[in-house]
C-alpha atoms as a PDB file:
ATOM      1  CA  MET A   1       0.000   0.000   0.000  1.00  0.00           C
ATOM      2  CA  ARG A   2       1.317   3.423  -0.900  1.00  0.00           C
ATOM      3  CA  GLU A   3       1.781   5.847   1.925  1.00  0.00           C
ATOM      4  CA  PHE A   4       1.057   9.033  -0.016  1.00  0.00           C
ATOM      5  CA  SER A   5      -1.828  10.170  -2.173  1.00  0.00           C
ATOM      6  CA  GLU A   6      -1.316  11.975  -5.436  1.00  0.00           C
ATOM      7  CA  SER A   7      -2.624  15.353  -6.483  1.00  0.00           C
ATOM      8  CA  PRO A   8      -5.868  14.947  -8.462  1.00  0.00           C
ATOM      9  CA  SER A   9      -5.120  18.147 -10.358  1.00  0.00           C
ATOM     10  CA  LEU A  10      -2.483  16.404 -12.513  1.00  0.00           C
ATOM     11  CA  PHE A  11      -4.272  13.207 -13.486  1.00  0.00           C
ATOM     12  CA  ASP A  12      -7.794  11.794 -13.921  1.00  0.00           C
ATOM     13  CA  ASP A  13      -9.203  10.027 -10.877  1.00  0.00           C
ATOM     14  CA  ASP A  14      -8.600   6.575 -12.328  1.00  0.00           C
ATOM     15  CA  GLU A  15      -4.899   7.380 -12.889  1.00  0.00           C
ATOM     16  CA  VAL A  16      -4.183   8.438  -9.303  1.00  0.00           C
ATOM     17  CA  GLN A  17      -3.537   6.079  -6.410  1.00  0.00           C
ATOM     18  CA  THR A  18      -4.864   7.447  -3.133  1.00  0.00           C
ATOM     19  CA  VAL A  19      -4.833   6.378   0.486  1.00  0.00           C
ATOM     20  CA  GLN A  20      -7.742   8.117   2.205  1.00  0.00           C
ATOM     21  CA  PRO A  21      -6.563  11.700   1.620  1.00  0.00           C
ATOM     22  CA  MET A  22      -7.448  14.371   4.122  1.00  0.00           C
ATOM     23  CA  PRO A  23     -10.542  16.405   3.325  1.00  0.00           C
ATOM     24  CA  LYS A  24      -9.795  19.476   1.274  1.00  0.00           C
ATOM     25  CA  GLY A  25      -8.767  22.392   3.445  1.00  0.00           C
ATOM     26  CA  LYS A  26      -7.941  20.166   6.438  1.00  0.00           C
ATOM     27  CA  THR A  27      -4.169  20.251   6.242  1.00  0.00           C
ATOM     28  CA  PRO A  28      -2.862  20.120   9.847  1.00  0.00           C
ATOM     29  CA  SER A  29      -1.504  23.401  11.122  1.00  0.00           C
ATOM     30  CA  TYR A  30       1.915  21.924  11.914  1.00  0.00           C
ATOM     31  CA  MET A  31       2.250  20.860   8.264  1.00  0.00           C
ATOM     32  CA  ARG A  32       1.139  24.247   6.961  1.00  0.00           C
ATOM     33  CA  ASP A  33       3.639  25.941   9.264  1.00  0.00           C
ATOM     34  CA  HIS A  34       6.448  23.620   8.143  1.00  0.00           C
ATOM     35  CA  ARG A  35       5.725  24.265   4.482  1.00  0.00           C
ATOM     36  CA  LYS A  36       5.527  28.004   5.073  1.00  0.00           C
ATOM     37  CA  ARG A  37       8.839  28.070   6.945  1.00  0.00           C
ATOM     38  CA  LEU A  38      10.545  25.965   4.287  1.00  0.00           C
ATOM     39  CA  ARG A  39       9.304  28.191   1.470  1.00  0.00           C
ATOM     40  CA  GLU A  40      10.414  31.315   3.354  1.00  0.00           C
ATOM     41  CA  ARG A  41      13.897  29.884   3.950  1.00  0.00           C
ATOM     42  CA  PHE A  42      14.190  29.055   0.268  1.00  0.00           C
ATOM     43  CA  LEU A  43      12.998  32.492  -0.842  1.00  0.00           C
ATOM     44  CA  THR A  44      15.356  34.200   1.597  1.00  0.00           C
ATOM     45  CA  GLY A  45      18.483  32.107   1.205  1.00  0.00           C
ATOM     46  CA  GLY A  46      18.006  30.283  -2.090  1.00  0.00           C
ATOM     47  CA  ALA A  47      18.857  26.654  -2.771  1.00  0.00           C
ATOM     48  CA  THR A  48      22.099  26.860  -0.764  1.00  0.00           C
ATOM     49  CA  ALA A  49      20.089  27.545   2.393  1.00  0.00           C
ATOM     50  CA  ILE A  50      18.446  24.121   2.392  1.00  0.00           C
ATOM     51  CA  PRO A  51      19.714  20.544   2.000  1.00  0.00           C
ATOM     52  CA  ASP A  52      18.783  18.246  -0.884  1.00  0.00           C
ATOM     53  CA  TYR A  53      15.900  16.523   0.866  1.00  0.00           C
ATOM     54  CA  GLU A  54      14.231  19.843   1.721  1.00  0.00           C
ATOM     55  CA  LEU A  55      14.593  21.097  -1.841  1.00  0.00           C
ATOM     56  CA  LEU A  56      12.992  17.825  -2.877  1.00  0.00           C
ATOM     57  CA  GLU A  57      10.190  18.494  -0.384  1.00  0.00           C
ATOM     58  CA  LEU A  58       9.472  21.795  -2.117  1.00  0.00           C
ATOM     59  CA  ILE A  59       9.115  19.937  -5.404  1.00  0.00           C
ATOM     60  CA  LEU A  60       6.861  17.296  -3.838  1.00  0.00           C
ATOM     61  CA  PHE A  61       4.540  19.911  -2.313  1.00  0.00           C
ATOM     62  CA  ARG A  62       2.965  20.361  -5.745  1.00  0.00           C
ATOM     63  CA  ALA A  63       2.331  16.678  -6.345  1.00  0.00           C
ATOM     64  CA  ILE A  64       1.170  15.901  -2.789  1.00  0.00           C
ATOM     65  CA  PRO A  65      -0.540  19.075  -1.545  1.00  0.00           C
ATOM     66  CA  ARG A  66      -2.010  17.935   1.778  1.00  0.00           C
ATOM     67  CA  GLN A  67       0.296  15.315   3.277  1.00  0.00           C
ATOM     68  CA  ASP A  68       3.681  15.249   4.970  1.00  0.00           C
ATOM     69  CA  VAL A  69       6.218  14.689   2.192  1.00  0.00           C
ATOM     70  CA  LYS A  70       9.352  14.725   4.352  1.00  0.00           C
ATOM     71  CA  PRO A  71       9.451  10.912   4.770  1.00  0.00           C
ATOM     72  CA  LEU A  72       9.129  10.422   1.015  1.00  0.00           C
ATOM     73  CA  ALA A  73      11.813  13.022   0.278  1.00  0.00           C
ATOM     74  CA  ARG A  74      14.213  11.297   2.678  1.00  0.00           C
ATOM     75  CA  ARG A  75      13.332   7.892   1.267  1.00  0.00           C
ATOM     76  CA  LEU A  76      14.113   9.042  -2.276  1.00  0.00           C
ATOM     77  CA  ILE A  77      17.423  10.631  -1.269  1.00  0.00           C
ATOM     78  CA  ASP A  78      18.417   7.555   0.759  1.00  0.00           C
ATOM     79  CA  HIS A  79      17.611   5.256  -2.146  1.00  0.00           C
ATOM     80  CA  PHE A  80      19.157   7.220  -5.030  1.00  0.00           C
ATOM     81  CA  GLY A  81      21.947   8.991  -3.133  1.00  0.00           C
ATOM     82  CA  ASP A  82      21.259  12.670  -3.825  1.00  0.00           C
ATOM     83  CA  LEU A  83      18.876  15.052  -5.553  1.00  0.00           C
ATOM     84  CA  ASN A  84      20.591  14.786  -8.941  1.00  0.00           C
ATOM     85  CA  HIS A  85      20.331  11.004  -9.008  1.00  0.00           C
ATOM     86  CA  THR A  86      16.720  11.174  -7.842  1.00  0.00           C
ATOM     87  CA  LEU A  87      15.720  13.484 -10.689  1.00  0.00           C
ATOM     88  CA  ALA A  88      17.698  11.452 -13.224  1.00  0.00           C
ATOM     89  CA  ALA A  89      16.306   8.091 -12.101  1.00  0.00           C
ATOM     90  CA  PRO A  90      14.290   6.177 -14.728  1.00  0.00           C
ATOM     91  CA  LEU A  91      10.516   6.228 -14.295  1.00  0.00           C
ATOM     92  CA  THR A  92      10.446   2.492 -13.649  1.00  0.00           C
ATOM     93  CA  GLN A  93      12.803   2.880 -10.691  1.00  0.00           C
ATOM     94  CA  LEU A  94      10.997   5.916  -9.290  1.00  0.00           C
ATOM     95  CA  LEU A  95       7.675   4.103  -9.335  1.00  0.00           C
ATOM     96  CA  GLN A  96       9.150   1.279  -7.273  1.00  0.00           C
ATOM     97  CA  ILE A  97       9.652   3.618  -4.310  1.00  0.00           C
ATOM     98  CA  ASP A  98       6.866   3.437  -1.729  1.00  0.00           C
ATOM     99  CA  GLY A  99       4.847   6.650  -1.967  1.00  0.00           C
ATOM    100  CA  VAL A 100       5.766   7.488  -5.563  1.00  0.00           C
ATOM    101  CA  GLY A 101       2.866   7.436  -7.994  1.00  0.00           C
ATOM    102  CA  ASP A 102       2.302   8.977 -11.395  1.00  0.00           C
ATOM    103  CA  ALA A 103       1.943  12.555 -10.144  1.00  0.00           C
ATOM    104  CA  VAL A 104       5.188  12.486  -8.131  1.00  0.00           C
ATOM    105  CA  ALA A 105       7.108  10.828 -10.964  1.00  0.00           C
ATOM    106  CA  LEU A 106       5.770  13.396 -13.432  1.00  0.00           C
ATOM    107  CA  GLU A 107       6.768  16.310 -11.196  1.00  0.00           C
ATOM    108  CA  LEU A 108      10.328  14.980 -10.848  1.00  0.00           C
ATOM    109  CA  LYS A 109      10.676  14.406 -14.595  1.00  0.00           C
ATOM    110  CA  ILE A 110       9.370  17.923 -15.317  1.00  0.00           C
ATOM    111  CA  VAL A 111      12.052  19.400 -13.047  1.00  0.00           C
ATOM    112  CA  GLU A 112      14.725  17.246 -14.697  1.00  0.00           C
ATOM    113  CA  ALA A 113      13.611  18.277 -18.192  1.00  0.00           C
ATOM    114  CA  THR A 114      13.579  21.929 -17.154  1.00  0.00           C
ATOM    115  CA  ALA A 115      17.151  21.675 -15.849  1.00  0.00           C
ATOM    116  CA  HIS A 116      18.266  20.099 -19.123  1.00  0.00           C
ATOM    117  CA  ARG A 117      16.501  22.746 -21.186  1.00  0.00           C
ATOM    118  CA  MET A 118      18.040  25.597 -19.193  1.00  0.00           C
ATOM    119  CA  ALA A 119      21.549  24.150 -19.436  1.00  0.00           C
ATOM    120  CA  ARG A 120      21.180  23.581 -23.177  1.00  0.00           C
ATOM    121  CA  GLY A 121      19.858  27.111 -23.658  1.00  0.00           C
ATOM    122  CA  LYS A 122      23.212  28.484 -22.523  1.00  0.00           C
ATOM    123  CA  ILE A 123      25.060  26.906 -25.438  1.00  0.00           C
ATOM    124  CA  ILE A 124      22.596  26.573 -28.318  1.00  0.00           C
ATOM    125  CA  GLN A 125      23.442  28.843 -31.243  1.00  0.00           C
ATOM    126  CA  LYS A 126      26.380  30.287 -29.354  1.00  0.00           C
ATOM    127  CA  HIS A 127      30.120  30.093 -29.928  1.00  0.00           C
ATOM    128  CA  VAL A 128      30.697  26.847 -28.072  1.00  0.00           C
ATOM    129  CA  LEU A 129      34.474  27.067 -27.776  1.00  0.00           C
ATOM    130  CA  SER A 130      34.195  30.416 -25.982  1.00  0.00           C
ATOM    131  CA  SER A 131      31.406  29.069 -23.736  1.00  0.00           C
ATOM    132  CA  TRP A 132      33.320  26.003 -22.638  1.00  0.00           C
ATOM    133  CA  GLN A 133      32.245  25.997 -18.995  1.00  0.00           C
ATOM    134  CA  ALA A 134      28.601  26.278 -20.024  1.00  0.00           C
ATOM    135  CA  LEU A 135      29.162  23.304 -22.334  1.00  0.00           C
ATOM    136  CA  LEU A 136      30.695  21.254 -19.532  1.00  0.00           C
ATOM    137  CA  ASP A 137      27.831  22.195 -17.203  1.00  0.00           C
ATOM    138  CA  TYR A 138      25.333  21.075 -19.829  1.00  0.00           C
ATOM    139  CA  CYS A 139      27.083  17.745 -20.377  1.00  0.00           C
ATOM    140  CA  HIS A 140      27.218  17.046 -16.655  1.00  0.00           C
ATOM    141  CA  THR A 141      23.572  18.004 -16.193  1.00  0.00           C
ATOM    142  CA  VAL A 142      22.404  15.698 -18.974  1.00  0.00           C
ATOM    143  CA  MET A 143      24.819  12.782 -18.644  1.00  0.00           C
ATOM    144  CA  ALA A 144      26.708  12.582 -15.343  1.00  0.00           C
ATOM    145  CA  HIS A 145      24.007  10.709 -13.431  1.00  0.00           C
ATOM    146  CA  ARG A 146      22.919   8.225 -16.070  1.00  0.00           C
ATOM    147  CA  GLU A 147      23.201   4.542 -15.160  1.00  0.00           C
ATOM    148  CA  THR A 148      24.152   3.451 -18.678  1.00  0.00           C
ATOM    149  CA  GLU A 149      26.597   4.846 -21.214  1.00  0.00           C
ATOM    150  CA  GLN A 150      25.367   7.360 -23.767  1.00  0.00           C
ATOM    151  CA  PHE A 151      27.270   8.720 -26.752  1.00  0.00           C
ATOM    152  CA  ARG A 152      26.323  12.212 -27.931  1.00  0.00           C
ATOM    153  CA  ILE A 153      27.619  14.386 -30.724  1.00  0.00           C
ATOM    154  CA  LEU A 154      27.587  18.176 -30.736  1.00  0.00           C
ATOM    155  CA  PHE A 155      27.574  19.408 -34.333  1.00  0.00           C
ATOM    156  CA  LEU A 156      29.009  22.881 -34.969  1.00  0.00           C
ATOM    157  CA  ASP A 157      28.880  25.220 -37.952  1.00  0.00           C
ATOM    158  CA  THR A 158      31.754  27.202 -39.466  1.00  0.00           C
ATOM    159  CA  LYS A 159      31.461  29.766 -36.628  1.00  0.00           C
ATOM    160  CA  ASN A 160      31.672  27.023 -33.983  1.00  0.00           C
ATOM    161  CA  SER A 161      28.046  27.606 -32.997  1.00  0.00           C
ATOM    162  CA  LEU A 162      26.007  24.586 -31.952  1.00  0.00           C
ATOM    163  CA  ILE A 163      23.591  23.562 -34.695  1.00  0.00           C
ATOM    164  CA  ALA A 164      22.580  20.134 -33.359  1.00  0.00           C
ATOM    165  CA  ASP A 165      22.993  18.043 -30.224  1.00  0.00           C
ATOM    166  CA  GLU A 166      22.124  14.419 -30.832  1.00  0.00           C
ATOM    167  CA  GLU A 167      22.303  11.128 -29.020  1.00  0.00           C
ATOM    168  CA  GLN A 168      24.105   8.736 -31.339  1.00  0.00           C
ATOM    169  CA  SER A 169      23.681   5.580 -29.287  1.00  0.00           C
ATOM    170  CA  LYS A 170      22.947   4.070 -25.877  1.00  0.00           C
ATOM    171  CA  GLY A 171      24.783   1.228 -24.242  1.00  0.00           C
ATOM    172  CA  THR A 172      25.254  -0.724 -21.041  1.00  0.00           C
ATOM    173  CA  ILE A 173      26.875   0.254 -17.761  1.00  0.00           C
ATOM    174  CA  ASP A 174      30.350  -0.001 -19.296  1.00  0.00           C
ATOM    175  CA  HIS A 175      29.992   0.005 -23.081  1.00  0.00           C
ATOM    176  CA  VAL A 176      28.266   1.964 -25.824  1.00  0.00           C
ATOM    177  CA  PRO A 177      28.429   0.957 -29.507  1.00  0.00           C
ATOM    178  CA  VAL A 178      29.738   3.719 -31.767  1.00  0.00           C
ATOM    179  CA  TYR A 179      30.080   3.447 -35.538  1.00  0.00           C
ATOM    180  CA  PRO A 180      32.520   6.011 -36.998  1.00  0.00           C
ATOM    181  CA  ARG A 181      30.911   5.768 -40.444  1.00  0.00           C
ATOM    182  CA  GLU A 182      27.526   6.802 -38.993  1.00  0.00           C
ATOM    183  CA  VAL A 183      29.119   9.732 -37.172  1.00  0.00           C
ATOM    184  CA  VAL A 184      30.698  11.049 -40.369  1.00  0.00           C
ATOM    185  CA  LYS A 185      27.508  10.414 -42.357  1.00  0.00           C
ATOM    186  CA  ARG A 186      25.417  12.429 -39.904  1.00  0.00           C
ATOM    187  CA  ALA A 187      27.931  15.293 -39.913  1.00  0.00           C
ATOM    188  CA  LEU A 188      27.619  15.501 -43.696  1.00  0.00           C
ATOM    189  CA  GLU A 189      23.814  15.439 -43.511  1.00  0.00           C
ATOM    190  CA  LEU A 190      23.857  18.425 -41.151  1.00  0.00           C
ATOM    191  CA  ASN A 191      26.577  20.214 -43.124  1.00  0.00           C
ATOM    192  CA  ALA A 192      28.588  20.441 -39.913  1.00  0.00           C
ATOM    193  CA  ALA A 193      32.057  21.951 -40.015  1.00  0.00           C
ATOM    194  CA  SER A 194      33.218  20.403 -36.758  1.00  0.00           C
ATOM    195  CA  LEU A 195      32.216  18.063 -33.932  1.00  0.00           C
ATOM    196  CA  ILE A 196      32.573  17.572 -30.211  1.00  0.00           C
ATOM    197  CA  LEU A 197      32.137  13.972 -29.085  1.00  0.00           C
ATOM    198  CA  VAL A 198      30.753  13.313 -25.604  1.00  0.00           C
ATOM    199  CA  HIS A 199      30.021  10.175 -23.644  1.00  0.00           C
ATOM    200  CA  ASN A 200      29.630   9.308 -19.988  1.00  0.00           C
ATOM    201  CA  HIS A 201      31.122   6.697 -17.685  1.00  0.00           C
ATOM    202  CA  PRO A 202      28.463   5.533 -15.183  1.00  0.00           C
ATOM    203  CA  SER A 203      31.236   4.218 -12.926  1.00  0.00           C
ATOM    204  CA  GLY A 204      32.082   7.854 -12.205  1.00  0.00           C
ATOM    205  CA  ASP A 205      35.691   7.524 -13.395  1.00  0.00           C
ATOM    206  CA  PRO A 206      36.166   9.482 -16.661  1.00  0.00           C
ATOM    207  CA  THR A 207      39.478   7.805 -17.514  1.00  0.00           C
ATOM    208  CA  PRO A 208      39.322   6.740 -21.185  1.00  0.00           C
ATOM    209  CA  SER A 209      39.614   3.094 -22.102  1.00  0.00           C
ATOM    210  CA  GLN A 210      41.730   1.843 -24.998  1.00  0.00           C
ATOM    211  CA  ALA A 211      38.477   1.273 -26.899  1.00  0.00           C
ATOM    212  CA  ASP A 212      37.552   4.935 -26.332  1.00  0.00           C
ATOM    213  CA  ILE A 213      40.917   6.068 -27.679  1.00  0.00           C
ATOM    214  CA  THR A 214      40.757   3.787 -30.719  1.00  0.00           C
ATOM    215  CA  MET A 215      37.196   4.798 -31.601  1.00  0.00           C
ATOM    216  CA  THR A 216      38.050   8.491 -31.317  1.00  0.00           C
ATOM    217  CA  ALA A 217      41.043   8.090 -33.634  1.00  0.00           C
ATOM    218  CA  GLN A 218      38.854   6.326 -36.213  1.00  0.00           C
ATOM    219  CA  ILE A 219      36.271   9.100 -36.137  1.00  0.00           C
ATOM    220  CA  GLU A 220      38.934  11.798 -36.402  1.00  0.00           C
ATOM    221  CA  THR A 221      40.521  10.050 -39.399  1.00  0.00           C
ATOM    222  CA  GLY A 222      37.190   9.745 -41.195  1.00  0.00           C
ATOM    223  CA  CYS A 223      36.240  13.353 -40.492  1.00  0.00           C
ATOM    224  CA  LYS A 224      39.615  14.767 -41.497  1.00  0.00           C
ATOM    225  CA  THR A 225      39.323  13.150 -44.920  1.00  0.00           C
ATOM    226  CA  LEU A 226      36.153  15.206 -45.507  1.00  0.00           C
ATOM    227  CA  GLY A 227      37.432  18.441 -43.979  1.00  0.00           C
ATOM    228  CA  ILE A 228      35.471  18.090 -40.731  1.00  0.00           C
ATOM    229  CA  THR A 229      37.275  18.945 -37.482  1.00  0.00           C
ATOM    230  CA  VAL A 230      36.893  16.952 -34.271  1.00  0.00           C
ATOM    231  CA  HIS A 231      37.513  19.588 -31.612  1.00  0.00           C
ATOM    232  CA  ASP A 232      37.387  17.255 -28.625  1.00  0.00           C
ATOM    233  CA  HIS A 233      36.047  14.106 -27.064  1.00  0.00           C
ATOM    234  CA  LEU A 234      34.749  14.601 -23.532  1.00  0.00           C
ATOM    235  CA  ILE A 235      34.195  11.751 -21.107  1.00  0.00           C
ATOM    236  CA  ILE A 236      31.817  12.750 -18.327  1.00  0.00           C
ATOM    237  CA  GLY A 237      32.186  11.208 -14.871  1.00  0.00           C
ATOM    238  CA  LYS A 238      30.174  11.837 -11.731  1.00  0.00           C
ATOM    239  CA  SER A 239      32.056  14.971 -10.665  1.00  0.00           C
ATOM    240  CA  ALA A 240      34.789  15.440 -13.261  1.00  0.00           C
ATOM    241  CA  GLU A 241      35.460  15.083 -16.942  1.00  0.00           C
ATOM    242  CA  ILE A 242      38.351  14.176 -19.211  1.00  0.00           C
ATOM    243  CA  SER A 243      39.148  16.145 -22.369  1.00  0.00           C
ATOM    244  CA  PHE A 244      40.985  14.189 -25.051  1.00  0.00           C
ATOM    245  CA  ARG A 245      42.366  17.472 -26.396  1.00  0.00           C
ATOM    246  CA  ALA A 246      43.714  18.520 -22.990  1.00  0.00           C
ATOM    247  CA  GLU A 247      45.208  15.053 -22.401  1.00  0.00           C
ATOM    248  CA  GLY A 248      46.977  15.042 -25.760  1.00  0.00           C
ATOM    249  CA  LEU A 249      44.852  12.167 -27.053  1.00  0.00           C
ATOM    250  CA  LEU A 250      43.433  14.151 -29.954  1.00  0.00           C
END
């Protein structure tokens, strides 16, 4: 049995699992006071003024308007490790947590998508090489907390502005299939002048494998033949990244 009820404002009645919700307008005073204090602390001090589980509470207030969400927030953080991993968790895993129904899962995925969109907005149609930190922030936001490997390509025009950001392939926890011919083919389709390759290491260690180095060399060789530049290959770990260009591997 689920401990929390979901907000009926987000889904039809038959889509929401409830456990005898409190009558509308009957939220206990202690809960109203807690929510008020938490909102005031956030508005006064910002996100740095509250820990992860309290920031998660603020998000859950919308999905569960009249119940104590602190136990669920702590349960999510305990299970996934931190707020980033909670937001990045697959829907199937979120829904396995006691108290998480469709409305809670939707709210978390909306916040995750918003974070991705904001990070991407800082680099789209901008000179990527002069906005390098914004690029790294975007890559970490989108890829650092994934549980499987993902290979992305950032396609740039002749002014080094981002014209496309595409996922080339998905893999397992320690491998992602990449086909150099497909990379070059897609670059030609988009009329890209240069590329930045990006993939993540779910282990958290961004150290490149020999397979990573070999694959990168094959892509660079194929691109060079057609006058396309490979600016870099970034490997994203949990809290750090490796640049092939900086390491002399490209």
